[in-house]
Amino acid sequence: MTTNVETEGVNRPPHLKYYMFDWDDNILHMPTTIHLERKTEEGWKPIHVTTAEFAKIRRDTEHYRPIKGDWDDAFIDFYDHGVRGDETFLSDTRRALRPIVQKEEEGAPSFQRFKQALLEGALFAIITARAHSAQSIRRGVEYFIETVLTPDERVQMIKNLRRFIKLFGEDGTLLTDDEVLARYLDLNRYRGVTSPEFQEIMGRAVSGAESPEQAKQFAVKDFVTHVINIVQQRGVEASVSIGFSDDDPHNVHAIIDFLNEELARQFPDVKFVVYDTSDPEHQSARKIVIRGK
């Protein structure tokens, strides 16, 4: 099973698309806040900022610092061991989706792109600077599917997934719809790059709260290798494009450099597309295309 496919004529091989998404302020505007202290004339005062605000000030160490001088305390609501435990990510996803489902608000810039990826049955990775486990993030994705997709859209998604099972040489006729969906979700990647779980995968500790770029690069390479291996191992002849979207310009620039300097050389037949969603005034993202070298 793999991702969505486009065909361009009877004799042309299919074109496969894969996606990588940052979560906060890219798919959803989450209500989670970071707990900091801000320097004022009266001294350091507590301040609670959104992820969008933090993206703008996180390098301003002269005027902002973590509360109590501890980044773990500052980002306690981005872990699974805070007051709400492993319900934190799911709880905040529910709160973020409620006004969208009620048509009171729109999602973040990549909301519709992520929904479309689900409808197409596209393999994807969630790559976030949060420190939640993969299981916690997956539960949020499952809630997104249950809440955002209409019954007809869910039928469309399952139909596409069954088509991809057949394309990749498997017999899925005996699988129930729930089993097809579960297999699809199993193939995706859910990376909280500051989590102990992900740092163990990397083989080293990274302070992703302060500098998540390297950890996100690792997660990007892991996902690209994962999906290309699927295509090659199943012997599918197809062209491949892989997209990445993020609202933090530091992450965007780091990934563009990483794709240019390493992955475009390692995977010369892959077209990479980066979507910069950092401008809140424009729902349409700035698109950068990087082709294999």
Protein backbone atom coordinates (compact mmCIF):
# COMPACT_ATOMS: atom_id res chain seq x y z
CA MET A 1 0.00 0.00 0.00
CA THR A 2 1.28 3.45 -0.77
CA THR A 3 0.27 6.92 -1.71
CA ASN A 4 -1.81 8.64 -4.35
CA VAL A 5 -1.13 8.10 -8.00
CA GLU A 6 -1.61 10.11 -11.15
CA THR A 7 -1.52 8.61 -14.63
CA GLU A 8 -0.68 10.73 -17.65
CA GLY A 9 -1.68 8.57 -20.58
CA VAL A 10 -2.10 4.86 -21.09
CA ASN A 11 1.57 4.02 -21.63
CA ARG A 12 3.08 6.36 -19.08
CA PRO A 13 4.11 5.16 -15.62
CA PRO A 14 2.13 6.50 -12.66
CA HIS A 15 3.25 9.53 -10.69
CA LEU A 16 3.30 8.99 -6.91
CA LYS A 17 3.02 11.83 -4.40
CA TYR A 18 4.09 11.83 -0.75
CA TYR A 19 3.83 14.56 1.86
CA MET A 20 5.53 15.82 5.03
CA PHE A 21 3.70 18.28 7.27
CA ASP A 22 4.58 20.39 10.26
CA TRP A 23 1.51 20.50 12.52
CA ASP A 24 1.28 23.75 14.53
CA ASP A 25 0.18 26.79 12.48
CA ASN A 26 0.67 24.72 9.33
CA ILE A 27 -2.25 22.27 9.58
CA LEU A 28 -3.95 23.59 12.72
CA HIS A 29 -3.73 26.63 14.96
CA MET A 30 -3.35 24.76 18.23
CA PRO A 31 -4.32 26.36 21.55
CA THR A 32 -1.16 25.08 23.28
CA THR A 33 1.08 27.82 24.72
CA ILE A 34 4.75 28.07 25.68
CA HIS A 35 5.49 29.40 29.15
CA LEU A 36 8.23 32.04 29.08
CA GLU A 37 9.51 35.06 30.96
CA ARG A 38 9.87 38.47 29.28
CA LYS A 39 12.34 41.13 30.34
CA THR A 40 10.64 44.38 31.38
CA GLU A 41 11.73 47.52 33.22
CA GLU A 42 10.36 45.95 36.40
CA GLY A 43 12.23 42.69 35.83
CA TRP A 44 11.35 39.33 34.32
CA LYS A 45 7.59 38.70 34.03
CA PRO A 46 5.75 35.48 33.05
CA ILE A 47 4.27 35.40 29.55
CA HIS A 48 2.43 32.63 27.69
CA VAL A 49 2.87 32.66 23.91
CA THR A 50 1.45 30.70 21.01
CA THR A 51 3.61 28.64 18.69
CA ALA A 52 3.26 31.32 16.00
CA GLU A 53 4.49 33.98 18.41
CA PHE A 54 7.32 31.76 19.62
CA ALA A 55 8.53 31.21 16.05
CA LYS A 56 9.18 34.96 15.84
CA ILE A 57 10.90 35.45 19.22
CA ARG A 58 12.64 32.16 19.98
CA ARG A 59 16.06 33.52 19.03
CA ASP A 60 15.63 36.70 21.07
CA THR A 61 17.41 35.44 24.18
CA GLU A 62 17.97 38.98 25.42
CA HIS A 63 14.30 39.64 26.07
CA TYR A 64 12.83 36.14 26.45
CA ARG A 65 13.84 33.08 28.44
CA PRO A 66 12.14 29.85 29.56
CA ILE A 67 10.12 30.10 32.74
CA LYS A 68 12.25 29.22 35.78
CA GLY A 69 15.16 28.91 33.35
CA ASP A 70 13.96 25.44 32.32
CA TRP A 71 12.89 24.62 28.75
CA ASP A 72 11.08 21.49 29.95
CA ASP A 73 8.86 23.67 32.13
CA ALA A 74 8.35 26.13 29.28
CA PHE A 75 7.19 23.36 26.94
CA ILE A 76 5.42 21.17 29.49
CA ASP A 77 2.19 21.23 27.44
CA PHE A 78 4.09 19.93 24.41
CA TYR A 79 5.04 16.71 26.23
CA ASP A 80 3.06 13.64 27.24
CA HIS A 81 4.06 13.94 30.89
CA GLY A 82 2.33 17.21 31.83
CA VAL A 83 -0.87 17.47 33.86
CA ARG A 84 -2.94 16.02 31.00
CA GLY A 85 -0.43 13.26 30.24
CA ASP A 86 -0.71 11.51 26.88
CA GLU A 87 -4.13 13.10 26.30
CA THR A 88 -2.54 16.52 25.74
CA PHE A 89 -2.08 16.43 21.97
CA LEU A 90 -5.48 14.86 21.32
CA SER A 91 -7.20 17.31 23.65
CA ASP A 92 -5.66 20.35 21.97
CA THR A 93 -6.39 18.92 18.51
CA ARG A 94 -10.05 18.61 19.49
CA ARG A 95 -10.09 22.23 20.67
CA ALA A 96 -8.40 23.41 17.46
CA LEU A 97 -10.82 21.51 15.22
CA ARG A 98 -14.03 22.49 17.00
CA PRO A 99 -14.42 25.98 15.45
CA ILE A 100 -13.35 24.63 12.04
CA VAL A 101 -15.96 21.87 12.06
CA GLN A 102 -18.54 24.44 13.18
CA LYS A 103 -17.43 26.63 10.24
CA GLU A 104 -16.48 29.50 12.55
CA GLU A 105 -12.80 29.45 11.57
CA GLU A 106 -10.53 28.07 8.89
CA GLY A 107 -7.55 25.83 9.44
CA ALA A 108 -3.93 26.82 9.02
CA PRO A 109 -2.45 27.16 5.48
CA SER A 110 -1.84 23.42 4.91
CA PHE A 111 -5.15 22.26 6.40
CA GLN A 112 -6.78 21.62 3.02
CA ARG A 113 -3.59 20.11 1.58
CA PHE A 114 -3.44 17.63 4.47
CA LYS A 115 -7.13 16.78 4.06
CA GLN A 116 -6.57 16.20 0.34
CA ALA A 117 -3.61 13.94 1.08
CA LEU A 118 -5.87 11.83 3.29
CA LEU A 119 -8.57 11.66 0.62
CA GLU A 120 -5.99 10.53 -1.93
CA GLY A 121 -4.57 7.92 0.42
CA ALA A 122 -1.17 9.60 0.26
CA LEU A 123 1.52 8.39 2.61
CA PHE A 124 2.59 11.26 4.84
CA ALA A 125 4.75 12.21 7.79
CA ILE A 126 3.84 14.59 10.59
CA ILE A 127 7.12 16.26 11.59
CA THR A 128 6.65 18.58 14.54
CA ALA A 129 8.96 20.13 17.13
CA ARG A 130 6.61 18.85 19.81
CA ALA A 131 7.75 16.14 22.23
CA HIS A 132 4.74 13.86 22.03
CA SER A 133 5.10 10.19 21.21
CA ALA A 134 4.22 8.84 17.78
CA GLN A 135 1.13 7.20 19.25
CA SER A 136 -0.12 10.48 20.71
CA ILE A 137 0.28 12.26 17.37
CA ARG A 138 -1.36 9.39 15.50
CA ARG A 139 -4.40 9.64 17.77
CA GLY A 140 -4.73 13.28 16.79
CA VAL A 141 -4.58 12.30 13.11
CA GLU A 142 -7.23 9.63 13.66
CA TYR A 143 -9.48 12.21 15.30
CA PHE A 144 -8.90 14.54 12.33
CA ILE A 145 -10.08 11.78 9.97
CA GLU A 146 -13.13 10.98 12.09
CA THR A 147 -14.12 14.62 12.51
CA VAL A 148 -13.17 16.40 9.29
CA LEU A 149 -13.93 13.82 6.60
CA THR A 150 -17.57 13.36 5.64
CA PRO A 151 -18.92 9.80 5.20
CA ASP A 152 -18.63 10.19 1.41
CA GLU A 153 -15.05 11.43 1.72
CA ARG A 154 -14.14 8.49 3.93
CA VAL A 155 -15.56 6.15 1.28
CA GLN A 156 -13.42 7.92 -1.31
CA MET A 157 -10.30 7.54 0.85
CA ILE A 158 -10.86 3.81 1.42
CA LYS A 159 -11.53 3.29 -2.30
CA ASN A 160 -8.20 4.94 -3.13
CA LEU A 161 -6.38 2.91 -0.49
CA ARG A 162 -7.76 -0.33 -1.92
CA ARG A 163 -6.64 0.74 -5.39
CA PHE A 164 -3.10 1.29 -4.09
CA ILE A 165 -3.05 -2.10 -2.41
CA LYS A 166 -3.75 -3.62 -5.83
CA LEU A 167 -1.22 -1.34 -7.57
CA PHE A 168 1.49 -2.59 -5.23
CA GLY A 169 0.72 -6.23 -5.91
CA GLU A 170 -1.22 -7.15 -2.79
CA ASP A 171 -4.59 -8.81 -2.35
CA GLY A 172 -6.73 -6.67 -0.07
CA THR A 173 -10.11 -8.17 -0.90
CA LEU A 174 -10.45 -9.86 2.48
CA LEU A 175 -9.58 -6.72 4.47
CA THR A 176 -12.34 -4.72 6.12
CA ASP A 177 -12.43 -0.95 5.66
CA ASP A 178 -11.13 -0.51 9.21
CA GLU A 179 -8.23 -2.87 8.51
CA VAL A 180 -7.37 -1.01 5.29
CA LEU A 181 -7.32 2.30 7.20
CA ALA A 182 -5.22 0.83 10.02
CA ARG A 183 -2.62 -0.52 7.57
CA TYR A 184 -2.44 2.88 5.90
CA LEU A 185 -1.92 4.68 9.19
CA ASP A 186 0.73 2.13 10.17
CA LEU A 187 2.78 3.10 7.11
CA ASN A 188 2.85 6.81 7.92
CA ARG A 189 5.35 8.54 10.21
CA TYR A 190 4.46 10.58 13.32
CA ARG A 191 7.55 12.41 14.57
CA GLY A 192 7.68 14.61 17.64
CA VAL A 193 11.33 15.50 17.13
CA THR A 194 12.00 16.61 20.74
CA SER A 195 10.45 13.48 22.27
CA PRO A 196 12.64 10.93 24.06
CA GLU A 197 11.24 8.36 21.63
CA PHE A 198 12.51 10.23 18.58
CA GLN A 199 15.83 11.17 20.17
CA GLU A 200 16.40 7.46 20.76
CA ILE A 201 15.74 6.83 17.05
CA MET A 202 18.26 9.54 16.20
CA GLY A 203 20.78 8.09 18.60
CA ARG A 204 21.44 11.41 20.29
CA ALA A 205 19.67 14.09 22.28
CA VAL A 206 18.67 17.26 20.46
CA SER A 207 17.17 20.36 22.01
CA GLY A 208 14.50 20.70 19.37
CA ALA A 209 12.69 23.42 21.31
CA GLU A 210 15.60 25.77 20.70
CA SER A 211 16.97 24.43 17.40
CA PRO A 212 14.69 21.80 15.78
CA GLU A 213 16.17 22.16 12.32
CA GLN A 214 18.64 19.25 12.54
CA ALA A 215 16.08 16.93 14.09
CA LYS A 216 13.58 17.80 11.36
CA GLN A 217 16.23 17.11 8.72
CA PHE A 218 16.74 13.66 10.22
CA ALA A 219 12.97 13.04 10.18
CA VAL A 220 12.72 14.20 6.57
CA LYS A 221 15.49 11.83 5.44
CA ASP A 222 13.92 8.99 7.41
CA PHE A 223 10.55 9.47 5.68
CA VAL A 224 12.00 9.92 2.19
CA THR A 225 14.05 6.75 2.59
CA HIS A 226 10.98 4.93 3.93
CA VAL A 227 8.71 5.72 0.97
CA ILE A 228 11.39 5.21 -1.69
CA ASN A 229 12.16 1.80 -0.19
CA ILE A 230 8.48 0.87 -0.48
CA VAL A 231 8.43 1.80 -4.16
CA GLN A 232 11.68 0.01 -4.95
CA GLN A 233 10.96 -3.14 -2.93
CA ARG A 234 7.58 -3.60 -4.61
CA GLY A 235 9.11 -3.04 -8.05
CA VAL A 236 6.70 -0.26 -8.99
CA GLU A 237 7.75 1.82 -11.98
CA ALA A 238 6.68 5.38 -11.18
CA SER A 239 7.89 8.94 -10.94
CA VAL A 240 7.88 10.35 -7.42
CA SER A 241 7.41 13.77 -5.87
CA ILE A 242 7.62 14.52 -2.14
CA GLY A 243 6.31 17.68 -0.53
CA PHE A 244 7.26 19.38 2.74
CA SER A 245 5.35 22.24 4.39
CA ASP A 246 6.25 24.29 7.48
CA ASP A 247 5.36 27.72 8.84
CA ASP A 248 8.71 28.41 10.51
CA PRO A 249 11.10 30.13 8.05
CA HIS A 250 14.13 28.76 9.94
CA ASN A 251 12.90 25.21 9.37
CA VAL A 252 11.97 25.96 5.76
CA HIS A 253 15.43 27.32 4.95
CA ALA A 254 17.14 24.43 6.74
CA ILE A 255 15.11 21.85 4.81
CA ILE A 256 15.71 23.61 1.47
CA ASP A 257 19.45 23.55 2.13
CA PHE A 258 19.29 19.91 3.23
CA LEU A 259 17.37 18.87 0.12
CA ASN A 260 19.74 20.74 -2.18
CA GLU A 261 22.93 19.56 -0.53
CA GLU A 262 22.05 15.96 0.30
CA LEU A 263 18.72 14.40 -0.60
CA ALA A 264 18.47 15.75 -4.16
CA ARG A 265 21.84 14.06 -4.78
CA GLN A 266 20.94 10.84 -2.99
CA PHE A 267 17.57 10.58 -4.76
CA PRO A 268 18.16 12.20 -8.18
CA ASP A 269 14.89 10.93 -9.69
CA VAL A 270 12.68 12.51 -7.00
CA LYS A 271 11.08 15.95 -7.31
CA PHE A 272 10.95 17.73 -3.94
CA VAL A 273 8.49 20.54 -3.32
CA VAL A 274 8.77 22.82 -0.26
CA TYR A 275 5.80 24.94 0.84
CA ASP A 276 6.66 27.94 3.00
CA THR A 277 3.51 28.81 4.99
CA SER A 278 5.15 31.41 7.24
CA ASP A 279 3.15 34.40 5.98
CA PRO A 280 -0.16 34.47 7.93
CA GLU A 281 -1.58 37.05 5.52
CA HIS A 282 -1.59 34.55 2.66
CA GLN A 283 -3.27 31.15 2.77
CA SER A 284 -1.42 30.13 -0.38
CA ALA A 285 2.09 29.00 0.44
CA ARG A 286 5.28 30.04 -1.28
CA LYS A 287 6.32 27.03 -3.38
CA ILE A 288 9.93 25.99 -3.98
CA VAL A 289 10.69 23.11 -6.33
CA ILE A 290 13.96 21.16 -5.97
CA ARG A 291 14.78 18.51 -8.54
CA GLY A 292 17.22 15.65 -8.26
CA LYS A 293 20.85 16.26 -9.17
